[in-house]
Amino acid sequence: MCGFKHLIEEYKKDILKQWVEITIQTYSPETARVLAKDSNRFDNPVGAITKETLEAAVNLLGKGFDRDDMEKVLDPLIRIRAVQTFTAADAVGFLFAIKPIARNLLGEKDLEEFHLAVDEMVLAGFNRYMKCREDIFLLKATESKRRVYNAFERAGLVQKMTEEDLLGMYQENDTSP
């Protein structure tokens, strides 16, 4: 086991506690106070998801990971932050907060390798954030198209089309070999 992975496993609880606190502080003071209170999934779902997601991320850092696995682990928290008022940088920036937390535990030799692992984790988080934002955009675009179509239909400017009609239109216009 690599040096930093062993130390992550050894100091997991301390690292997790500090990382959760720093992440919660990225919210407004009123929200942070609520999120810090209780990690019960029913009383405080965002606080619970924050703690669970960061715990799973620390576990992966301690064992080694590939980007897809880290994306899956970060998904619940990134999904929440993607729909909140965070900028892209702020939505995933909390992931970098683990670097100064672990800096005190790691030797110079292990620090570079740890930073590379954290950078890979941040890239996974950013990938997940962009996928969530793309999904949100597609939902908004689809809803907008639906509203326009319904308005035209109510005005009698278009005829009602079934799913088969729509699919038939696309198949007739398909010029691919």
Protein backbone atom coordinates (compact mmCIF):
# COMPACT_ATOMS: atom_id res chain seq x y z
CA MET A 1 0.00 0.00 0.00
CA CYS A 2 1.34 3.46 -0.91
CA GLY A 3 2.44 5.70 1.92
CA PHE A 4 -0.32 8.27 1.57
CA LYS A 5 -2.99 5.57 1.24
CA HIS A 6 -1.87 4.01 4.50
CA LEU A 7 -1.97 7.40 6.24
CA ILE A 8 -5.41 8.18 4.78
CA GLU A 9 -6.68 4.91 6.25
CA GLU A 10 -5.02 5.64 9.59
CA TYR A 11 -6.38 9.21 9.93
CA LYS A 12 -9.66 8.71 8.05
CA LYS A 13 -11.93 9.94 10.87
CA ASP A 14 -9.96 13.15 11.45
CA ILE A 15 -9.70 13.89 7.74
CA LEU A 16 -13.40 13.24 7.20
CA LYS A 17 -14.49 15.41 10.13
CA GLN A 18 -12.46 18.40 8.93
CA TRP A 19 -13.46 17.93 5.27
CA VAL A 20 -17.17 17.80 6.14
CA GLU A 21 -16.83 20.96 8.24
CA ILE A 22 -15.03 22.84 5.46
CA THR A 23 -17.56 21.66 2.85
CA ILE A 24 -20.50 22.75 4.99
CA GLN A 25 -18.89 26.17 5.40
CA THR A 26 -19.19 26.70 1.63
CA TYR A 27 -22.89 27.36 2.23
CA SER A 28 -24.38 30.51 3.73
CA PRO A 29 -24.03 30.78 7.54
CA GLU A 30 -27.71 29.95 8.15
CA THR A 31 -27.60 26.91 5.86
CA ALA A 32 -24.26 25.76 7.28
CA ARG A 33 -25.71 25.87 10.79
CA VAL A 34 -28.58 23.59 9.72
CA LEU A 35 -26.32 21.22 7.75
CA ALA A 36 -23.89 20.86 10.66
CA LYS A 37 -26.59 19.99 13.19
CA ASP A 38 -27.61 16.48 12.31
CA SER A 39 -26.68 13.95 9.67
CA ASN A 40 -30.01 12.12 9.82
CA ARG A 41 -31.17 11.41 6.25
CA PHE A 42 -34.75 12.44 7.04
CA ASP A 43 -34.18 15.56 9.13
CA ASN A 44 -31.16 16.78 7.17
CA PRO A 45 -30.82 14.99 3.82
CA VAL A 46 -28.20 17.37 2.37
CA GLY A 47 -26.05 17.15 5.50
CA ALA A 48 -26.31 13.36 5.50
CA ILE A 49 -25.48 13.09 1.80
CA THR A 50 -22.52 15.43 2.27
CA LYS A 51 -21.08 13.27 5.05
CA GLU A 52 -21.79 9.97 3.29
CA THR A 53 -20.33 11.14 -0.03
CA LEU A 54 -17.16 12.54 1.51
CA GLU A 55 -16.71 9.40 3.60
CA ALA A 56 -16.97 7.25 0.47
CA ALA A 57 -14.50 9.55 -1.33
CA VAL A 58 -11.98 9.26 1.52
CA ASN A 59 -12.39 5.48 1.41
CA LEU A 60 -11.63 5.47 -2.32
CA LEU A 61 -8.63 7.77 -1.85
CA GLY A 62 -7.32 5.32 0.74
CA LYS A 63 -7.70 2.34 -1.58
CA GLY A 64 -7.02 3.76 -5.01
CA PHE A 65 -9.62 4.43 -7.67
CA ASP A 66 -10.37 5.06 -11.28
CA ARG A 67 -12.23 8.16 -12.44
CA ASP A 68 -15.51 6.35 -13.16
CA ASP A 69 -15.67 4.90 -9.64
CA MET A 70 -15.00 8.30 -8.12
CA GLU A 71 -17.68 9.91 -10.31
CA LYS A 72 -20.22 7.40 -9.00
CA VAL A 73 -19.20 8.08 -5.41
CA LEU A 74 -19.34 11.87 -5.81
CA ASP A 75 -22.62 11.83 -7.77
CA PRO A 76 -25.10 12.40 -4.89
CA LEU A 77 -23.34 15.49 -3.55
CA ILE A 78 -22.36 16.94 -6.94
CA ARG A 79 -25.94 16.43 -8.16
CA ILE A 80 -27.21 18.54 -5.25
CA ARG A 81 -24.60 21.26 -5.75
CA ALA A 82 -25.29 21.36 -9.51
CA VAL A 83 -28.85 22.56 -8.91
CA GLN A 84 -27.93 25.06 -6.22
CA THR A 85 -26.65 28.60 -6.82
CA PHE A 86 -22.97 27.61 -6.86
CA THR A 87 -20.68 28.53 -9.71
CA ALA A 88 -18.96 25.58 -11.38
CA ALA A 89 -15.77 26.35 -9.44
CA ASP A 90 -17.60 26.53 -6.12
CA ALA A 91 -19.69 23.44 -6.84
CA VAL A 92 -16.59 21.24 -7.10
CA GLY A 93 -14.01 23.39 -5.30
CA PHE A 94 -14.77 21.80 -1.93
CA LEU A 95 -12.95 18.70 -3.21
CA PHE A 96 -9.62 20.57 -3.08
CA ALA A 97 -10.13 21.25 0.64
CA ILE A 98 -8.75 17.82 1.50
CA LYS A 99 -5.26 18.88 0.36
CA PRO A 100 -4.44 21.22 3.28
CA ILE A 101 -6.14 18.84 5.73
CA ALA A 102 -3.88 15.95 4.73
CA ARG A 103 -0.75 18.09 4.22
CA ASN A 104 0.03 17.94 7.94
CA LEU A 105 -0.15 14.14 7.93
CA LEU A 106 1.86 13.37 4.83
CA GLY A 107 5.57 13.54 4.27
CA GLU A 108 7.03 15.41 1.31
CA LYS A 109 7.47 12.18 -0.63
CA ASP A 110 3.82 11.18 -0.32
CA LEU A 111 2.43 14.68 -0.80
CA GLU A 112 2.97 14.82 -4.57
CA GLU A 113 1.32 11.46 -5.13
CA PHE A 114 -1.59 12.48 -2.89
CA HIS A 115 -2.05 15.76 -4.78
CA LEU A 116 -2.22 13.86 -8.07
CA ALA A 117 -4.91 11.59 -6.61
CA VAL A 118 -6.90 14.59 -5.36
CA ASP A 119 -6.58 16.28 -8.76
CA GLU A 120 -7.95 13.12 -10.37
CA MET A 121 -10.82 13.17 -7.87
CA VAL A 122 -11.58 16.80 -8.74
CA LEU A 123 -11.62 15.96 -12.45
CA ALA A 124 -14.13 13.18 -11.72
CA GLY A 125 -16.22 15.64 -9.74
CA PHE A 126 -16.13 18.19 -12.55
CA ASN A 127 -17.13 15.53 -15.10
CA ARG A 128 -20.12 14.63 -12.95
CA TYR A 129 -21.02 18.30 -12.46
CA MET A 130 -21.00 18.91 -16.22
CA LYS A 131 -23.19 15.85 -16.84
CA CYS A 132 -25.69 17.13 -14.29
CA ARG A 133 -25.72 20.60 -15.84
CA GLU A 134 -26.22 19.08 -19.31
CA ASP A 135 -29.18 17.09 -17.97
CA ILE A 136 -30.66 20.25 -16.47
CA PHE A 137 -30.22 22.11 -19.77
CA LEU A 138 -31.89 19.28 -21.71
CA LEU A 139 -34.82 19.21 -19.29
CA LYS A 140 -35.30 22.97 -19.63
CA ALA A 141 -35.04 22.82 -23.43
CA THR A 142 -37.50 19.94 -23.65
CA GLU A 143 -39.97 21.71 -21.39
CA SER A 144 -39.66 24.90 -23.44
CA LYS A 145 -40.34 23.00 -26.67
CA ARG A 146 -43.32 21.30 -25.06
CA ARG A 147 -44.79 24.65 -23.96
CA VAL A 148 -44.40 26.15 -27.44
CA TYR A 149 -45.92 23.08 -29.10
CA ASN A 150 -48.87 23.09 -26.66
CA ALA A 151 -49.47 26.81 -27.28
CA PHE A 152 -49.44 26.25 -31.05
CA GLU A 153 -51.74 23.25 -30.64
CA ARG A 154 -54.25 25.26 -28.56
CA ALA A 155 -54.19 27.98 -31.23
CA GLY A 156 -54.91 25.35 -33.90
CA LEU A 157 -51.64 26.00 -35.71
CA VAL A 158 -50.42 22.39 -35.51
CA GLN A 159 -52.16 19.06 -35.57
CA LYS A 160 -51.86 16.54 -32.77
CA MET A 161 -49.09 14.06 -33.51
CA THR A 162 -48.58 10.66 -31.98
CA GLU A 163 -45.24 9.20 -30.98
CA GLU A 164 -45.35 6.99 -34.09
CA ASP A 165 -45.91 10.06 -36.30
CA LEU A 166 -42.87 11.75 -34.79
CA LEU A 167 -40.73 8.65 -35.16
CA GLY A 168 -41.91 8.21 -38.75
CA MET A 169 -40.89 11.76 -39.57
CA TYR A 170 -37.39 11.12 -38.31
CA GLN A 171 -37.08 7.82 -40.18
CA GLU A 172 -38.24 9.37 -43.48
CA ASN A 173 -35.71 12.21 -43.16
CA ASP A 174 -32.88 9.87 -42.18
CA THR A 175 -30.38 9.86 -45.05
CA SER A 176 -27.73 7.79 -43.30
CA PRO A 177 -26.59 4.62 -45.14
